[in-house]
Amino acid sequence: MWVAAGVAIGVLELLAPGYVFLGFALGAVATGALVALGWVWSFPVALAAFGALSLAAWAAMRRLLGRRAGQVKVITRDINDN
C-alpha cells in the first residue's frame, strides 16, 4: 500500500511545478520498504516513519537542488538608504 501511494504521489509530482510532492513520494516508498522488511509493525509507527522519512527526503532534496529559479529573493537593503 505504501509503495502504491508513493507511486501515485510521484505521478502527482509530474503534474505540479517544482519539487512539491517528491519528498512525500520518496517517504512513502521508503516506508513501504520498511514495512516489507518487517521493521515497522503498526500503523501509527508507519505514519511516524512516513513523516520522518518525508521530511528527511525533502531536506536532502532542498540541499542538493538549492533554491529554485522562481523563488522570491529577500531584499534587506533599500537603494535609497545612505
PDB file of N, CA and C in Angstrom:
ATOM      1  N   MET A   1       0.817  -1.177   0.000  1.00  0.00           N
ATOM      2  CA  MET A   1       0.000   0.000   0.000  1.00  0.00           C
ATOM      3  C   MET A   1       0.874   1.259   0.000  1.00  0.00           C
ATOM      4  N   TRP A   2       1.951   1.267   0.782  1.00  0.00           N
ATOM      5  CA  TRP A   2       2.810   2.450   0.862  1.00  0.00           C
ATOM      6  C   TRP A   2       3.523   2.719  -0.455  1.00  0.00           C
ATOM      7  N   VAL A   3       3.991   1.675  -1.103  1.00  0.00           N
ATOM      8  CA  VAL A   3       4.687   1.862  -2.379  1.00  0.00           C
ATOM      9  C   VAL A   3       3.717   2.352  -3.444  1.00  0.00           C
ATOM     10  N   ALA A   4       2.499   1.824  -3.462  1.00  0.00           N
ATOM     11  CA  ALA A   4       1.489   2.294  -4.417  1.00  0.00           C
ATOM     12  C   ALA A   4       1.147   3.762  -4.167  1.00  0.00           C
ATOM     13  N   ALA A   5       1.061   4.150  -2.900  1.00  0.00           N
ATOM     14  CA  ALA A   5       0.813   5.557  -2.583  1.00  0.00           C
ATOM     15  C   ALA A   5       1.988   6.419  -3.021  1.00  0.00           C
ATOM     16  N   GLY A   6       3.201   5.921  -2.867  1.00  0.00           N
ATOM     17  CA  GLY A   6       4.386   6.657  -3.308  1.00  0.00           C
ATOM     18  C   GLY A   6       4.412   6.855  -4.812  1.00  0.00           C
ATOM     19  N   VAL A   7       4.013   5.831  -5.539  1.00  0.00           N
ATOM     20  CA  VAL A   7       3.945   5.950  -7.000  1.00  0.00           C
ATOM     21  C   VAL A   7       2.857   6.946  -7.400  1.00  0.00           C
ATOM     22  N   ALA A   8       1.717   6.893  -6.734  1.00  0.00           N
ATOM     23  CA  ALA A   8       0.635   7.828  -7.047  1.00  0.00           C
ATOM     24  C   ALA A   8       1.044   9.271  -6.746  1.00  0.00           C
ATOM     25  N   ILE A   9       1.731   9.478  -5.643  1.00  0.00           N
ATOM     26  CA  ILE A   9       2.201  10.830  -5.312  1.00  0.00           C
ATOM     27  C   ILE A   9       3.284  11.254  -6.301  1.00  0.00           C
ATOM     28  N   GLY A  10       4.098  10.315  -6.759  1.00  0.00           N
ATOM     29  CA  GLY A  10       5.104  10.617  -7.775  1.00  0.00           C
ATOM     30  C   GLY A  10       4.477  11.051  -9.086  1.00  0.00           C
ATOM     31  N   VAL A  11       3.375  10.425  -9.458  1.00  0.00           N
ATOM     32  CA  VAL A  11       2.649  10.841 -10.661  1.00  0.00           C
ATOM     33  C   VAL A  11       2.061  12.230 -10.450  1.00  0.00           C
ATOM     34  N   LEU A  12       1.568  12.503  -9.262  1.00  0.00           N
ATOM     35  CA  LEU A  12       1.055  13.832  -8.948  1.00  0.00           C
ATOM     36  C   LEU A  12       2.165  14.879  -9.039  1.00  0.00           C
ATOM     37  N   GLU A  13       3.383  14.482  -8.705  1.00  0.00           N
ATOM     38  CA  GLU A  13       4.525  15.389  -8.805  1.00  0.00           C
ATOM     39  C   GLU A  13       4.778  15.805 -10.254  1.00  0.00           C
ATOM     40  N   LEU A  14       4.510  14.911 -11.178  1.00  0.00           N
ATOM     41  CA  LEU A  14       4.694  15.254 -12.587  1.00  0.00           C
ATOM     42  C   LEU A  14       3.743  16.354 -13.042  1.00  0.00           C
ATOM     43  N   LEU A  15       2.603  16.469 -12.393  1.00  0.00           N
ATOM     44  CA  LEU A  15       1.608  17.471 -12.763  1.00  0.00           C
ATOM     45  C   LEU A  15       1.821  18.802 -12.061  1.00  0.00           C
ATOM     46  N   ALA A  16       2.598  18.824 -10.996  1.00  0.00           N
ATOM     47  CA  ALA A  16       2.818  20.043 -10.215  1.00  0.00           C
ATOM     48  C   ALA A  16       4.184  20.633 -10.561  1.00  0.00           C
ATOM     49  N   PRO A  17       4.283  21.946 -10.616  1.00  0.00           N
ATOM     50  CA  PRO A  17       5.592  22.543 -10.877  1.00  0.00           C
ATOM     51  C   PRO A  17       6.486  22.477  -9.641  1.00  0.00           C
ATOM     52  N   GLY A  18       7.764  22.293  -9.854  1.00  0.00           N
ATOM     53  CA  GLY A  18       8.701  22.236  -8.737  1.00  0.00           C
ATOM     54  C   GLY A  18       8.735  20.860  -8.108  1.00  0.00           C
ATOM     55  N   TYR A  19       9.387  20.785  -6.974  1.00  0.00           N
ATOM     56  CA  TYR A  19       9.523  19.516  -6.254  1.00  0.00           C
ATOM     57  C   TYR A  19       8.655  19.543  -5.007  1.00  0.00           C
ATOM     58  N   VAL A  20       7.357  19.674  -5.210  1.00  0.00           N
ATOM     59  CA  VAL A  20       6.431  19.827  -4.098  1.00  0.00           C
ATOM     60  C   VAL A  20       6.136  18.483  -3.444  1.00  0.00           C
ATOM     61  N   PHE A  21       5.817  17.480  -4.227  1.00  0.00           N
ATOM     62  CA  PHE A  21       5.362  16.195  -3.693  1.00  0.00           C
ATOM     63  C   PHE A  21       6.435  15.109  -3.719  1.00  0.00           C
ATOM     64  N   LEU A  22       7.614  15.392  -4.241  1.00  0.00           N
ATOM     65  CA  LEU A  22       8.619  14.345  -4.386  1.00  0.00           C
ATOM     66  C   LEU A  22       9.119  13.826  -3.038  1.00  0.00           C
ATOM     67  N   GLY A  23       9.238  14.689  -2.046  1.00  0.00           N
ATOM     68  CA  GLY A  23       9.642  14.230  -0.714  1.00  0.00           C
ATOM     69  C   GLY A  23       8.636  13.273  -0.113  1.00  0.00           C
ATOM     70  N   PHE A  24       7.342  13.570  -0.313  1.00  0.00           N
ATOM     71  CA  PHE A  24       6.300  12.663   0.174  1.00  0.00           C
ATOM     72  C   PHE A  24       6.343  11.328  -0.561  1.00  0.00           C
ATOM     73  N   ALA A  25       6.592  11.370  -1.863  1.00  0.00           N
ATOM     74  CA  ALA A  25       6.665  10.136  -2.641  1.00  0.00           C
ATOM     75  C   ALA A  25       7.833   9.274  -2.175  1.00  0.00           C
ATOM     76  N   LEU A  26       8.989   9.891  -1.986  1.00  0.00           N
ATOM     77  CA  LEU A  26      10.148   9.136  -1.515  1.00  0.00           C
ATOM     78  C   LEU A  26       9.936   8.600  -0.100  1.00  0.00           C
ATOM     79  N   GLY A  27       9.286   9.390   0.742  1.00  0.00           N
ATOM     80  CA  GLY A  27       8.979   8.927   2.093  1.00  0.00           C
ATOM     81  C   GLY A  27       8.029   7.743   2.102  1.00  0.00           C
ATOM     82  N   ALA A  28       7.037   7.770   1.219  1.00  0.00           N
ATOM     83  CA  ALA A  28       6.083   6.653   1.146  1.00  0.00           C
ATOM     84  C   ALA A  28       6.748   5.384   0.633  1.00  0.00           C
ATOM     85  N   VAL A  29       7.606   5.504  -0.364  1.00  0.00           N
ATOM     86  CA  VAL A  29       8.297   4.320  -0.891  1.00  0.00           C
ATOM     87  C   VAL A  29       9.262   3.766   0.160  1.00  0.00           C
ATOM     88  N   ALA A  30       9.967   4.641   0.864  1.00  0.00           N
ATOM     89  CA  ALA A  30      10.874   4.176   1.920  1.00  0.00           C
ATOM     90  C   ALA A  30      10.095   3.520   3.065  1.00  0.00           C
ATOM     91  N   THR A  31       8.932   4.066   3.408  1.00  0.00           N
ATOM     92  CA  THR A  31       8.093   3.451   4.440  1.00  0.00           C
ATOM     93  C   THR A  31       7.604   2.081   3.979  1.00  0.00           C
ATOM     94  N   GLY A  32       7.257   1.971   2.703  1.00  0.00           N
ATOM     95  CA  GLY A  32       6.872   0.666   2.156  1.00  0.00           C
ATOM     96  C   GLY A  32       7.994  -0.344   2.254  1.00  0.00           C
ATOM     97  N   ALA A  33       9.227   0.113   2.026  1.00  0.00           N
ATOM     98  CA  ALA A  33      10.370  -0.792   2.164  1.00  0.00           C
ATOM     99  C   ALA A  33      10.556  -1.227   3.612  1.00  0.00           C
ATOM    100  N   LEU A  34      10.370  -0.296   4.558  1.00  0.00           N
ATOM    101  CA  LEU A  34      10.489  -0.654   5.972  1.00  0.00           C
ATOM    102  C   LEU A  34       9.408  -1.639   6.403  1.00  0.00           C
ATOM    103  N   VAL A  35       8.193  -1.445   5.883  1.00  0.00           N
ATOM    104  CA  VAL A  35       7.099  -2.373   6.205  1.00  0.00           C
ATOM    105  C   VAL A  35       7.392  -3.745   5.605  1.00  0.00           C
ATOM    106  N   ALA A  36       7.915  -3.779   4.376  1.00  0.00           N
ATOM    107  CA  ALA A  36       8.223  -5.054   3.727  1.00  0.00           C
ATOM    108  C   ALA A  36       9.333  -5.800   4.468  1.00  0.00           C
ATOM    109  N   LEU A  37      10.271  -5.062   5.024  1.00  0.00           N
ATOM    110  CA  LEU A  37      11.340  -5.707   5.778  1.00  0.00           C
ATOM    111  C   LEU A  37      10.918  -6.123   7.184  1.00  0.00           C
ATOM    112  N   GLY A  38       9.749  -5.672   7.624  1.00  0.00           N
ATOM    113  CA  GLY A  38       9.245  -6.033   8.941  1.00  0.00           C
ATOM    114  C   GLY A  38       9.732  -5.139  10.059  1.00  0.00           C
ATOM    115  N   TRP A  39      10.324  -4.004   9.729  1.00  0.00           N
ATOM    116  CA  TRP A  39      10.854  -3.100  10.753  1.00  0.00           C
ATOM    117  C   TRP A  39       9.782  -2.192  11.326  1.00  0.00           C
ATOM    118  N   VAL A  40       8.666  -2.064  10.647  1.00  0.00           N
ATOM    119  CA  VAL A  40       7.543  -1.253  11.114  1.00  0.00           C
ATOM    120  C   VAL A  40       6.380  -2.205  11.341  1.00  0.00           C
ATOM    121  N   TRP A  41       5.831  -2.215  12.548  1.00  0.00           N
ATOM    122  CA  TRP A  41       4.863  -3.244  12.901  1.00  0.00           C
ATOM    123  C   TRP A  41       3.461  -2.722  13.154  1.00  0.00           C
ATOM    124  N   SER A  42       3.241  -1.421  13.212  1.00  0.00           N
ATOM    125  CA  SER A  42       1.890  -0.907  13.426  1.00  0.00           C
ATOM    126  C   SER A  42       1.679   0.343  12.585  1.00  0.00           C
ATOM    127  N   PHE A  43       0.425   0.688  12.384  1.00  0.00           N
ATOM    128  CA  PHE A  43       0.088   1.831  11.540  1.00  0.00           C
ATOM    129  C   PHE A  43       0.569   3.164  12.123  1.00  0.00           C
ATOM    130  N   PRO A  44       0.416   3.415  13.430  1.00  0.00           N
ATOM    131  CA  PRO A  44       0.950   4.683  13.967  1.00  0.00           C
ATOM    132  C   PRO A  44       2.464   4.817  13.804  1.00  0.00           C
ATOM    133  N   VAL A  45       3.187   3.721  13.955  1.00  0.00           N
ATOM    134  CA  VAL A  45       4.635   3.757  13.750  1.00  0.00           C
ATOM    135  C   VAL A  45       4.945   4.001  12.282  1.00  0.00           C
ATOM    136  N   ALA A  46       4.148   3.415  11.393  1.00  0.00           N
ATOM    137  CA  ALA A  46       4.340   3.633   9.962  1.00  0.00           C
ATOM    138  C   ALA A  46       4.076   5.094   9.596  1.00  0.00           C
ATOM    139  N   LEU A  47       3.065   5.706  10.203  1.00  0.00           N
ATOM    140  CA  LEU A  47       2.797   7.128   9.942  1.00  0.00           C
ATOM    141  C   LEU A  47       3.935   8.013  10.440  1.00  0.00           C
ATOM    142  N   ALA A  48       4.467   7.678  11.603  1.00  0.00           N
ATOM    143  CA  ALA A  48       5.598   8.441  12.130  1.00  0.00           C
ATOM    144  C   ALA A  48       6.826   8.272  11.240  1.00  0.00           C
ATOM    145  N   ALA A  49       7.061   7.064  10.778  1.00  0.00           N
ATOM    146  CA  ALA A  49       8.188   6.808   9.874  1.00  0.00           C
ATOM    147  C   ALA A  49       7.993   7.553   8.556  1.00  0.00           C
ATOM    148  N   PHE A  50       6.759   7.560   8.057  1.00  0.00           N
ATOM    149  CA  PHE A  50       6.466   8.286   6.818  1.00  0.00           C
ATOM    150  C   PHE A  50       6.747   9.771   6.977  1.00  0.00           C
ATOM    151  N   GLY A  51       6.329  10.347   8.087  1.00  0.00           N
ATOM    152  CA  GLY A  51       6.581  11.768   8.325  1.00  0.00           C
ATOM    153  C   GLY A  51       8.066  12.074   8.429  1.00  0.00           C
ATOM    154  N   ALA A  52       8.786  11.258   9.176  1.00  0.00           N
ATOM    155  CA  ALA A  52      10.220  11.494   9.359  1.00  0.00           C
ATOM    156  C   ALA A  52      10.990  11.291   8.056  1.00  0.00           C
ATOM    157  N   LEU A  53      10.655  10.241   7.321  1.00  0.00           N
ATOM    158  CA  LEU A  53      11.351   9.977   6.063  1.00  0.00           C
ATOM    159  C   LEU A  53      11.014  11.015   5.003  1.00  0.00           C
ATOM    160  N   SER A  54       9.779  11.484   4.974  1.00  0.00           N
ATOM    161  CA  SER A  54       9.392  12.528   4.021  1.00  0.00           C
ATOM    162  C   SER A  54      10.122  13.827   4.313  1.00  0.00           C
ATOM    163  N   LEU A  55      10.219  14.179   5.583  1.00  0.00           N
ATOM    164  CA  LEU A  55      10.939  15.389   5.969  1.00  0.00           C
ATOM    165  C   LEU A  55      12.420  15.283   5.624  1.00  0.00           C
ATOM    166  N   ALA A  56      13.008  14.117   5.874  1.00  0.00           N
ATOM    167  CA  ALA A  56      14.423  13.913   5.549  1.00  0.00           C
ATOM    168  C   ALA A  56      14.650  13.973   4.038  1.00  0.00           C
ATOM    169  N   ALA A  57      13.741  13.380   3.266  1.00  0.00           N
ATOM    170  CA  ALA A  57      13.878  13.423   1.813  1.00  0.00           C
ATOM    171  C   ALA A  57      13.729  14.841   1.294  1.00  0.00           C
ATOM    172  N   TRP A  58      12.792  15.604   1.846  1.00  0.00           N
ATOM    173  CA  TRP A  58      12.605  16.985   1.421  1.00  0.00           C
ATOM    174  C   TRP A  58      13.843  17.822   1.747  1.00  0.00           C
ATOM    175  N   ALA A  59      14.397  17.643   2.952  1.00  0.00           N
ATOM    176  CA  ALA A  59      15.573  18.405   3.353  1.00  0.00           C
ATOM    177  C   ALA A  59      16.783  18.045   2.484  1.00  0.00           C
ATOM    178  N   ALA A  60      16.941  16.771   2.162  1.00  0.00           N
ATOM    179  CA  ALA A  60      18.053  16.355   1.306  1.00  0.00           C
ATOM    180  C   ALA A  60      17.906  16.931  -0.101  1.00  0.00           C
ATOM    181  N   MET A  61      16.698  16.902  -0.633  1.00  0.00           N
ATOM    182  CA  MET A  61      16.482  17.473  -1.966  1.00  0.00           C
ATOM    183  C   MET A  61      16.685  18.974  -1.955  1.00  0.00           C
ATOM    184  N   ARG A  62      16.272  19.633  -0.907  1.00  0.00           N
ATOM    185  CA  ARG A  62      16.438  21.081  -0.805  1.00  0.00           C
ATOM    186  C   ARG A  62      17.921  21.447  -0.788  1.00  0.00           C
ATOM    187  N   ARG A  63      18.722  20.637  -0.076  1.00  0.00           N
ATOM    188  CA  ARG A  63      20.157  20.898  -0.023  1.00  0.00           C
ATOM    189  C   ARG A  63      20.809  20.595  -1.373  1.00  0.00           C
ATOM    190  N   LEU A  64      20.415  19.506  -2.020  1.00  0.00           N
ATOM    191  CA  LEU A  64      21.036  19.129  -3.288  1.00  0.00           C
ATOM    192  C   LEU A  64      20.607  20.025  -4.444  1.00  0.00           C
ATOM    193  N   LEU A  65      19.338  20.388  -4.480  1.00  0.00           N
ATOM    194  CA  LEU A  65      18.823  21.155  -5.610  1.00  0.00           C
ATOM    195  C   LEU A  65      18.925  22.655  -5.402  1.00  0.00           C
ATOM    196  N   GLY A  66      19.088  23.098  -4.173  1.00  0.00           N
ATOM    197  CA  GLY A  66      19.239  24.519  -3.895  1.00  0.00           C
ATOM    198  C   GLY A  66      17.956  25.303  -4.105  1.00  0.00           C
ATOM    199  N   ARG A  67      18.133  26.607  -4.210  1.00  0.00           N
ATOM    200  CA  ARG A  67      16.982  27.484  -4.386  1.00  0.00           C
ATOM    201  C   ARG A  67      16.491  27.388  -5.817  1.00  0.00           C
ATOM    202  N   ARG A  68      15.193  27.352  -5.986  1.00  0.00           N
ATOM    203  CA  ARG A  68      14.601  27.286  -7.316  1.00  0.00           C
ATOM    204  C   ARG A  68      14.740  28.627  -8.017  1.00  0.00           C
ATOM    205  N   ALA A  69      14.666  28.601  -9.324  1.00  0.00           N
ATOM    206  CA  ALA A  69      14.849  29.814 -10.122  1.00  0.00           C
ATOM    207  C   ALA A  69      13.733  30.823  -9.878  1.00  0.00           C
ATOM    208  N   GLY A  70      12.511  30.387  -9.643  1.00  0.00           N
ATOM    209  CA  GLY A  70      11.398  31.299  -9.461  1.00  0.00           C
ATOM    210  C   GLY A  70      11.156  31.718  -8.031  1.00  0.00           C
ATOM    211  N   GLN A  71      12.022  31.318  -7.118  1.00  0.00           N
ATOM    212  CA  GLN A  71      11.818  31.623  -5.717  1.00  0.00           C
ATOM    213  C   GLN A  71      12.097  33.101  -5.443  1.00  0.00           C
ATOM    214  N   VAL A  72      11.369  33.652  -4.532  1.00  0.00           N
ATOM    215  CA  VAL A  72      11.468  35.072  -4.216  1.00  0.00           C
ATOM    216  C   VAL A  72      12.777  35.369  -3.495  1.00  0.00           C
ATOM    217  N   LYS A  73      13.441  36.434  -3.923  1.00  0.00           N
ATOM    218  CA  LYS A  73      14.662  36.881  -3.261  1.00  0.00           C
ATOM    219  C   LYS A  73      14.294  37.943  -2.233  1.00  0.00           C
ATOM    220  N   VAL A  74      14.810  37.805  -1.037  1.00  0.00           N
ATOM    221  CA  VAL A  74      14.525  38.746   0.034  1.00  0.00           C
ATOM    222  C   VAL A  74      15.555  39.874  -0.031  1.00  0.00           C
ATOM    223  N   ILE A  75      15.065  41.109  -0.120  1.00  0.00           N
ATOM    224  CA  ILE A  75      15.940  42.274  -0.184  1.00  0.00           C
ATOM    225  C   ILE A  75      15.964  42.918   1.195  1.00  0.00           C
ATOM    226  N   THR A  76      17.151  43.080   1.737  1.00  0.00           N
ATOM    227  CA  THR A  76      17.286  43.632   3.091  1.00  0.00           C
ATOM    228  C   THR A  76      17.801  45.057   3.097  1.00  0.00           C
ATOM    229  N   ARG A  77      18.187  45.596   1.944  1.00  0.00           N
ATOM    230  CA  ARG A  77      18.730  46.945   1.888  1.00  0.00           C
ATOM    231  C   ARG A  77      17.988  47.729   0.810  1.00  0.00           C
ATOM    232  N   ASP A  78      17.584  48.929   1.139  1.00  0.00           N
ATOM    233  CA  ASP A  78      16.886  49.793   0.212  1.00  0.00           C
ATOM    234  C   ASP A  78      17.880  50.628  -0.583  1.00  0.00           C
ATOM    235  N   ILE A  79      17.584  50.888  -1.861  1.00  0.00           N
ATOM    236  CA  ILE A  79      18.514  51.680  -2.671  1.00  0.00           C
ATOM    237  C   ILE A  79      18.550  53.144  -2.231  1.00  0.00           C
ATOM    238  N   ASN A  80      17.554  53.574  -1.474  1.00  0.00           N
ATOM    239  CA  ASN A  80      17.523  54.952  -1.006  1.00  0.00           C
ATOM    240  C   ASN A  80      18.234  55.156   0.330  1.00  0.00           C
ATOM    241  N   ASP A  81      18.692  54.073   0.952  1.00  0.00           N
ATOM    242  CA  ASP A  81      19.433  54.188   2.212  1.00  0.00           C
ATOM    243  C   ASP A  81      20.818  54.760   1.934  1.00  0.00           C
ATOM    244  N   ASN A  82      21.263  55.639   2.810  1.00  0.00           N
ATOM    245  CA  ASN A  82      22.597  56.238   2.635  1.00  0.00           C
ATOM    246  C   ASN A  82      23.611  55.539   3.477  1.00  0.00           C
TER     247      ASN A  82
END
